[in-house]
Amino acid sequence: MEVQDWIESSIRALFCLTGITGNFWLGLRSLPKSISQLRPNDVLFMNLAASNLITNCLVDLPDTLAQFVNNWFMGRSYCGVLQFSSDLSETSSIFSTMFISMYWHQKLVGSISRGGAPVQMDDLRLVGVLLAGSWIVALMFSVPHFFIAEHDGNETLEVCEERFPTPAEKKTFDALYLILANVVPLVGITYASVQIVLTLLQSQKRITHHSKERNAPPTDVNMAEKSKVVNSVAYPQLRSNQSSSYQVRAAKSVVAVATIFIFCWFIHLVLRIYSSFRNSILVVKLTNFIGAFYTCFVPYVYLHGVKKLSCSWW
């Protein structure tokens, strides 16, 4: 291997190890002490961690090893498993990100506007149905890879390739996958993230307004009225803001993840469109690199958002 290849493989190996550690930690820290303490947020995080670990262990790890030996050494049978696992975990991870964004948007609005009242996605059954549906969609787009992934046995081949019977079938499959498994959840993630940002801005504006009212110099005319405002509005609002700090922190992490996701998705989309017109080993490597980047950093952002990025247990 040349120096450039060693550097590329070492970076992929570092991403893979970091991703496995982060997603394993996210899943582990999301486990409740007992079943009765299980919350929808825990289920969503564990599902995301499981989805990403499929990518880390069954896709990134073999692909990284293949880069070190400079050829695809695991044969055609595992080539199909790799393609299956790649789309399965990617689709499930995208939908999990969307559900997490929707959940924390509802929790943030419920905490700030309704004093922490239960929200629709606090229902474990609803979350279970949504996750089951996402896995069904993921399986629908992943199972065909067992029938179309091919390996020609060429010892110089550096990656696992798949070939469709006809170019028209490949374009149809890619179009359906792009719309149903990418665009739809992307719209949901973007909408929830924008709403979170707007809610945070409105909340900050209200806090600033109440702070100015408390600090304004009193007059003989409005002394009694100002006292009522401070006691009945400002202090309850302050207590509400303190109680919602956890939701605000978690919501900010959701926005950060959404930003990373949209950036990675856009680059991934460009590479996928390019690969539909021209087969390139470089494009395949870049696509895998972008996927590894997302699954590597996302768990740490979420752990920071829910204040679990530490070695203390629960």
Protein backbone atom coordinates (compact mmCIF):
# COMPACT_ATOMS: atom_id res chain seq x y z
CA MET A 1 0.00 0.00 0.00
CA GLU A 2 1.10 3.54 -0.74
CA VAL A 3 1.28 6.24 1.91
CA GLN A 4 -1.95 7.83 0.67
CA ASP A 5 -3.77 4.50 0.94
CA TRP A 6 -2.47 3.98 4.47
CA ILE A 7 -3.67 7.43 5.51
CA GLU A 8 -7.10 6.83 3.95
CA SER A 9 -7.44 3.42 5.59
CA SER A 10 -6.26 4.73 8.96
CA ILE A 11 -8.86 7.52 8.91
CA ARG A 12 -11.60 5.02 8.06
CA ALA A 13 -10.42 2.74 10.85
CA LEU A 14 -10.47 5.65 13.32
CA PHE A 15 -13.98 6.62 12.24
CA CYS A 16 -15.11 3.01 12.54
CA LEU A 17 -13.70 2.58 16.05
CA THR A 18 -15.07 5.95 17.18
CA GLY A 19 -18.50 5.12 15.75
CA ILE A 20 -18.66 1.70 17.42
CA THR A 21 -17.66 3.22 20.77
CA GLY A 22 -20.09 6.14 20.52
CA ASN A 23 -23.11 4.15 19.39
CA PHE A 24 -22.46 1.38 21.91
CA TRP A 25 -22.24 4.04 24.64
CA LEU A 26 -25.43 5.74 23.42
CA GLY A 27 -27.34 2.45 23.55
CA LEU A 28 -25.87 1.50 26.91
CA ARG A 29 -26.60 4.88 28.52
CA SER A 30 -30.17 4.78 27.19
CA LEU A 31 -30.96 1.56 29.04
CA PRO A 32 -33.28 2.26 32.01
CA LYS A 33 -32.79 0.79 35.47
CA SER A 34 -36.08 -1.10 35.09
CA ILE A 35 -38.77 -1.67 32.47
CA SER A 36 -41.13 0.64 34.34
CA GLN A 37 -38.70 3.52 33.81
CA LEU A 38 -38.48 2.99 30.05
CA ARG A 39 -39.27 6.20 28.16
CA PRO A 40 -39.91 6.81 24.44
CA ASN A 41 -36.70 8.82 24.25
CA ASP A 42 -34.73 5.81 25.51
CA VAL A 43 -36.33 3.57 22.89
CA LEU A 44 -35.55 6.04 20.10
CA PHE A 45 -31.91 6.38 21.15
CA MET A 46 -31.45 2.61 21.49
CA ASN A 47 -32.99 2.09 18.06
CA LEU A 48 -30.66 4.70 16.54
CA ALA A 49 -27.66 3.13 18.25
CA ALA A 50 -28.62 -0.34 16.98
CA SER A 51 -29.08 0.99 13.43
CA ASN A 52 -25.72 2.73 13.46
CA LEU A 53 -23.94 -0.29 14.96
CA ILE A 54 -25.14 -2.36 11.99
CA THR A 55 -23.34 0.12 9.75
CA ASN A 56 -20.26 0.24 11.97
CA CYS A 57 -19.83 -3.51 12.42
CA LEU A 58 -21.23 -5.06 9.23
CA VAL A 59 -20.39 -2.35 6.68
CA ASP A 60 -17.62 0.00 7.83
CA LEU A 61 -15.47 -2.63 9.55
CA PRO A 62 -15.30 -5.10 6.59
CA ASP A 63 -14.84 -2.24 4.14
CA THR A 64 -12.01 -0.82 6.25
CA LEU A 65 -10.29 -4.21 6.38
CA ALA A 66 -10.72 -4.53 2.61
CA GLN A 67 -8.91 -1.23 2.17
CA PHE A 68 -5.94 -2.47 4.19
CA VAL A 69 -5.58 -5.62 2.06
CA ASN A 70 -6.41 -3.66 -1.12
CA ASN A 71 -9.14 -6.00 -2.40
CA TRP A 72 -12.56 -7.33 -1.46
CA PHE A 73 -11.60 -10.56 0.27
CA MET A 74 -14.91 -11.74 1.75
CA GLY A 75 -16.50 -13.06 -1.44
CA ARG A 76 -19.80 -12.59 -3.21
CA SER A 77 -21.96 -14.01 -0.40
CA TYR A 78 -20.89 -11.36 2.09
CA CYS A 79 -21.02 -8.73 -0.62
CA GLY A 80 -24.80 -9.18 -0.62
CA VAL A 81 -24.87 -9.01 3.19
CA LEU A 82 -22.89 -5.77 3.10
CA GLN A 83 -25.22 -4.11 0.58
CA PHE A 84 -28.25 -5.34 2.55
CA SER A 85 -26.87 -4.10 5.87
CA SER A 86 -25.86 -0.76 4.39
CA ASP A 87 -29.33 0.23 3.16
CA LEU A 88 -31.09 -1.39 6.14
CA SER A 89 -29.10 0.55 8.72
CA GLU A 90 -29.04 3.77 6.69
CA THR A 91 -32.82 3.82 6.23
CA SER A 92 -33.52 2.92 9.86
CA SER A 93 -31.03 5.53 11.07
CA ILE A 94 -32.62 8.27 8.94
CA PHE A 95 -36.12 7.49 10.22
CA SER A 96 -34.82 7.27 13.81
CA THR A 97 -33.29 10.73 13.43
CA MET A 98 -36.63 12.05 12.16
CA PHE A 99 -38.56 10.52 15.07
CA ILE A 100 -36.06 11.90 17.60
CA SER A 101 -36.39 15.36 16.05
CA MET A 102 -40.19 15.18 16.19
CA TYR A 103 -40.13 13.91 19.78
CA TRP A 104 -37.89 16.67 21.13
CA HIS A 105 -39.82 19.32 19.24
CA GLN A 106 -42.99 18.16 20.98
CA LYS A 107 -41.24 17.96 24.36
CA LEU A 108 -39.79 21.45 23.96
CA VAL A 109 -43.15 22.98 23.04
CA GLY A 110 -44.85 21.05 25.85
CA SER A 111 -42.29 22.21 28.40
CA ILE A 112 -42.24 25.88 27.43
CA SER A 113 -45.85 26.43 26.38
CA ARG A 114 -47.77 23.89 28.48
CA GLY A 115 -45.63 23.52 31.58
CA GLY A 116 -44.29 20.06 30.81
CA ALA A 117 -47.62 18.47 29.88
CA PRO A 118 -47.45 15.01 28.22
CA VAL A 119 -47.08 15.06 24.45
CA GLN A 120 -48.33 12.71 21.76
CA MET A 121 -45.01 10.90 21.32
CA ASP A 122 -44.80 10.12 25.05
CA ASP A 123 -46.85 7.04 24.14
CA LEU A 124 -44.56 3.99 23.96
CA ARG A 125 -47.03 2.14 21.73
CA LEU A 126 -47.04 4.95 19.17
CA VAL A 127 -43.25 5.06 19.14
CA GLY A 128 -43.14 1.28 18.76
CA VAL A 129 -45.51 1.40 15.78
CA LEU A 130 -43.47 4.16 14.12
CA LEU A 131 -40.21 2.27 14.59
CA ALA A 132 -41.74 -0.98 13.34
CA GLY A 133 -42.96 0.82 10.23
CA SER A 134 -39.50 2.27 9.62
CA TRP A 135 -37.90 -1.17 9.83
CA ILE A 136 -40.46 -2.55 7.37
CA VAL A 137 -39.62 0.21 4.90
CA ALA A 138 -35.91 -0.44 5.46
CA LEU A 139 -36.37 -4.15 4.76
CA MET A 140 -38.32 -3.42 1.57
CA PHE A 141 -35.36 -1.53 0.15
CA SER A 142 -32.68 -3.85 1.56
CA VAL A 143 -33.82 -7.37 0.67
CA PRO A 144 -33.41 -6.83 -3.12
CA HIS A 145 -29.68 -6.38 -2.59
CA PHE A 146 -29.37 -10.13 -1.99
CA PHE A 147 -30.46 -10.68 -5.58
CA ILE A 148 -28.59 -7.90 -7.38
CA ALA A 149 -25.27 -7.62 -5.54
CA GLU A 150 -22.52 -9.27 -7.57
CA HIS A 151 -18.83 -9.95 -7.15
CA ASP A 152 -16.85 -10.91 -10.21
CA GLY A 153 -13.99 -12.61 -8.37
CA ASN A 154 -11.37 -10.20 -9.67
CA GLU A 155 -8.58 -10.14 -7.11
CA THR A 156 -7.75 -6.51 -7.91
CA LEU A 157 -11.28 -5.32 -7.09
CA GLU A 158 -11.08 -2.96 -4.11
CA VAL A 159 -14.78 -2.69 -3.26
CA CYS A 160 -17.95 -4.73 -3.24
CA GLU A 161 -20.00 -3.84 -6.31
CA GLU A 162 -23.61 -4.51 -7.26
CA ARG A 163 -25.06 -4.72 -10.73
CA PHE A 164 -28.70 -4.37 -11.75
CA PRO A 165 -30.07 -6.42 -14.66
CA THR A 166 -30.80 -3.23 -16.62
CA PRO A 167 -29.94 0.47 -16.16
CA ALA A 168 -33.67 1.28 -16.10
CA GLU A 169 -34.22 -0.95 -13.06
CA LYS A 170 -31.32 0.71 -11.25
CA LYS A 171 -32.73 4.19 -11.92
CA THR A 172 -36.20 3.11 -10.76
CA PHE A 173 -34.84 1.57 -7.58
CA ASP A 174 -32.66 4.60 -6.82
CA ALA A 175 -35.55 7.01 -7.44
CA LEU A 176 -37.92 5.14 -5.11
CA TYR A 177 -35.26 4.81 -2.44
CA LEU A 178 -34.38 8.48 -2.71
CA ILE A 179 -37.98 9.66 -2.38
CA LEU A 180 -39.39 7.27 0.24
CA ALA A 181 -36.32 6.59 2.38
CA ASN A 182 -34.52 9.92 2.10
CA VAL A 183 -36.66 12.88 1.00
CA VAL A 184 -39.67 12.06 3.20
CA PRO A 185 -37.70 11.77 6.48
CA LEU A 186 -35.50 14.69 5.44
CA VAL A 187 -38.59 16.91 5.20
CA GLY A 188 -39.67 15.75 8.67
CA ILE A 189 -36.22 16.40 10.16
CA THR A 190 -35.99 19.84 8.57
CA TYR A 191 -39.50 20.84 9.66
CA ALA A 192 -38.99 19.70 13.27
CA SER A 193 -35.59 21.40 13.47
CA VAL A 194 -36.92 24.70 12.09
CA GLN A 195 -39.79 24.59 14.58
CA ILE A 196 -37.33 23.93 17.41
CA VAL A 197 -35.25 26.95 16.41
CA LEU A 198 -38.35 29.17 16.17
CA THR A 199 -39.60 27.95 19.56
CA LEU A 200 -36.23 28.63 21.18
CA LEU A 201 -36.09 32.12 19.67
CA GLN A 202 -39.61 32.93 20.86
CA SER A 203 -38.81 31.62 24.34
CA GLN A 204 -35.63 33.69 24.50
CA LYS A 205 -37.56 36.77 23.39
CA ARG A 206 -40.14 36.26 26.17
CA ILE A 207 -37.39 35.79 28.76
CA THR A 208 -35.68 38.99 27.63
CA HIS A 209 -39.00 40.87 27.75
CA HIS A 210 -39.80 39.71 31.30
CA SER A 211 -36.24 40.51 32.39
CA LYS A 212 -36.61 44.07 31.12
CA GLU A 213 -39.93 44.42 32.96
CA ARG A 214 -38.36 43.32 36.24
CA ASN A 215 -35.39 45.67 35.82
CA ALA A 216 -37.41 48.73 34.70
CA PRO A 217 -37.43 51.64 37.25
CA PRO A 218 -40.71 51.69 39.23
CA THR A 219 -43.14 54.61 39.16
CA ASP A 220 -45.97 55.64 41.46
CA VAL A 221 -48.51 54.78 38.77
CA ASN A 222 -47.45 51.25 37.93
CA MET A 223 -45.92 50.07 41.24
CA ALA A 224 -48.86 47.91 42.28
CA GLU A 225 -49.40 46.60 38.75
CA LYS A 226 -45.70 45.79 38.30
CA SER A 227 -45.70 43.88 41.59
CA LYS A 228 -48.57 41.71 40.38
CA VAL A 229 -46.82 41.08 37.08
CA VAL A 230 -43.59 40.05 38.79
CA ASN A 231 -45.29 37.69 41.22
CA SER A 232 -47.83 36.13 38.87
CA VAL A 233 -45.89 36.04 35.60
CA ALA A 234 -42.17 36.60 35.86
CA TYR A 235 -41.29 34.20 38.65
CA PRO A 236 -43.43 31.31 37.38
CA GLN A 237 -41.92 31.92 33.96
CA LEU A 238 -38.44 31.80 35.48
CA ARG A 239 -39.20 28.52 37.23
CA SER A 240 -40.62 27.18 33.98
CA ASN A 241 -37.44 28.14 32.15
CA GLN A 242 -35.32 26.40 34.77
CA SER A 243 -37.40 23.23 34.58
CA SER A 244 -37.22 23.20 30.78
CA SER A 245 -33.43 23.60 30.57
CA TYR A 246 -33.04 19.86 29.95
CA GLN A 247 -35.47 19.94 27.03
CA VAL A 248 -33.77 23.05 25.62
CA ARG A 249 -30.33 21.43 25.78
CA ALA A 250 -31.59 18.23 24.16
CA ALA A 251 -33.46 20.20 21.50
CA LYS A 252 -30.29 22.11 20.62
CA SER A 253 -28.47 18.81 20.14
CA VAL A 254 -31.28 17.72 17.80
CA VAL A 255 -30.74 20.85 15.70
CA ALA A 256 -26.99 20.16 15.63
CA VAL A 257 -27.59 16.59 14.47
CA ALA A 258 -30.06 17.79 11.83
CA THR A 259 -27.43 20.21 10.50
CA ILE A 260 -24.85 17.42 10.26
CA PHE A 261 -27.41 15.12 8.67
CA ILE A 262 -28.51 17.63 6.00
CA PHE A 263 -24.87 18.36 5.13
CA CYS A 264 -23.98 14.67 4.82
CA TRP A 265 -27.21 13.88 2.98
CA PHE A 266 -26.62 16.59 0.37
CA ILE A 267 -23.11 15.32 -0.40
CA HIS A 268 -24.39 11.74 -0.40
CA LEU A 269 -27.15 12.73 -2.84
CA VAL A 270 -24.68 14.36 -5.23
CA LEU A 271 -22.47 11.27 -5.15
CA ARG A 272 -25.44 8.95 -5.65
CA ILE A 273 -26.65 10.94 -8.68
CA TYR A 274 -23.14 10.90 -10.12
CA SER A 275 -22.81 7.14 -9.62
CA SER A 276 -26.08 6.59 -11.51
CA PHE A 277 -24.37 7.96 -14.63
CA ARG A 278 -20.87 6.65 -14.12
CA ASN A 279 -19.43 3.82 -12.03
CA SER A 280 -16.47 4.93 -9.96
CA ILE A 281 -14.59 3.29 -7.12
CA LEU A 282 -13.74 6.75 -5.79
CA VAL A 283 -17.44 7.66 -5.56
CA VAL A 284 -18.18 4.45 -3.66
CA LYS A 285 -15.37 5.21 -1.21
CA LEU A 286 -16.55 8.78 -0.71
CA THR A 287 -20.12 7.59 -0.13
CA ASN A 288 -18.95 5.14 2.53
CA PHE A 289 -16.78 7.85 4.09
CA ILE A 290 -19.73 10.25 4.39
CA GLY A 291 -21.87 7.53 5.98
CA ALA A 292 -19.10 6.70 8.44
CA PHE A 293 -18.72 10.39 9.33
CA TYR A 294 -22.41 10.71 10.23
CA THR A 295 -22.64 7.54 12.34
CA CYS A 296 -19.36 8.45 14.04
CA PHE A 297 -20.26 11.89 15.44
CA VAL A 298 -24.04 11.77 15.92
CA PRO A 299 -24.11 9.61 19.10
CA TYR A 300 -21.72 11.95 20.90
CA VAL A 301 -23.88 14.98 20.03
CA TYR A 302 -26.97 13.26 21.43
CA LEU A 303 -25.12 12.10 24.55
CA HIS A 304 -23.96 15.67 25.16
CA GLY A 305 -27.51 16.95 24.66
CA VAL A 306 -29.03 14.64 27.28
CA LYS A 307 -26.09 15.10 29.68
CA LYS A 308 -24.91 11.50 29.48
CA LEU A 309 -21.53 12.05 27.86
CA SER A 310 -19.70 10.89 30.97
CA CYS A 311 -18.50 7.74 32.67
CA SER A 312 -20.98 8.07 35.54
CA TRP A 313 -23.66 5.40 35.36
CA TRP A 314 -27.24 6.71 35.18
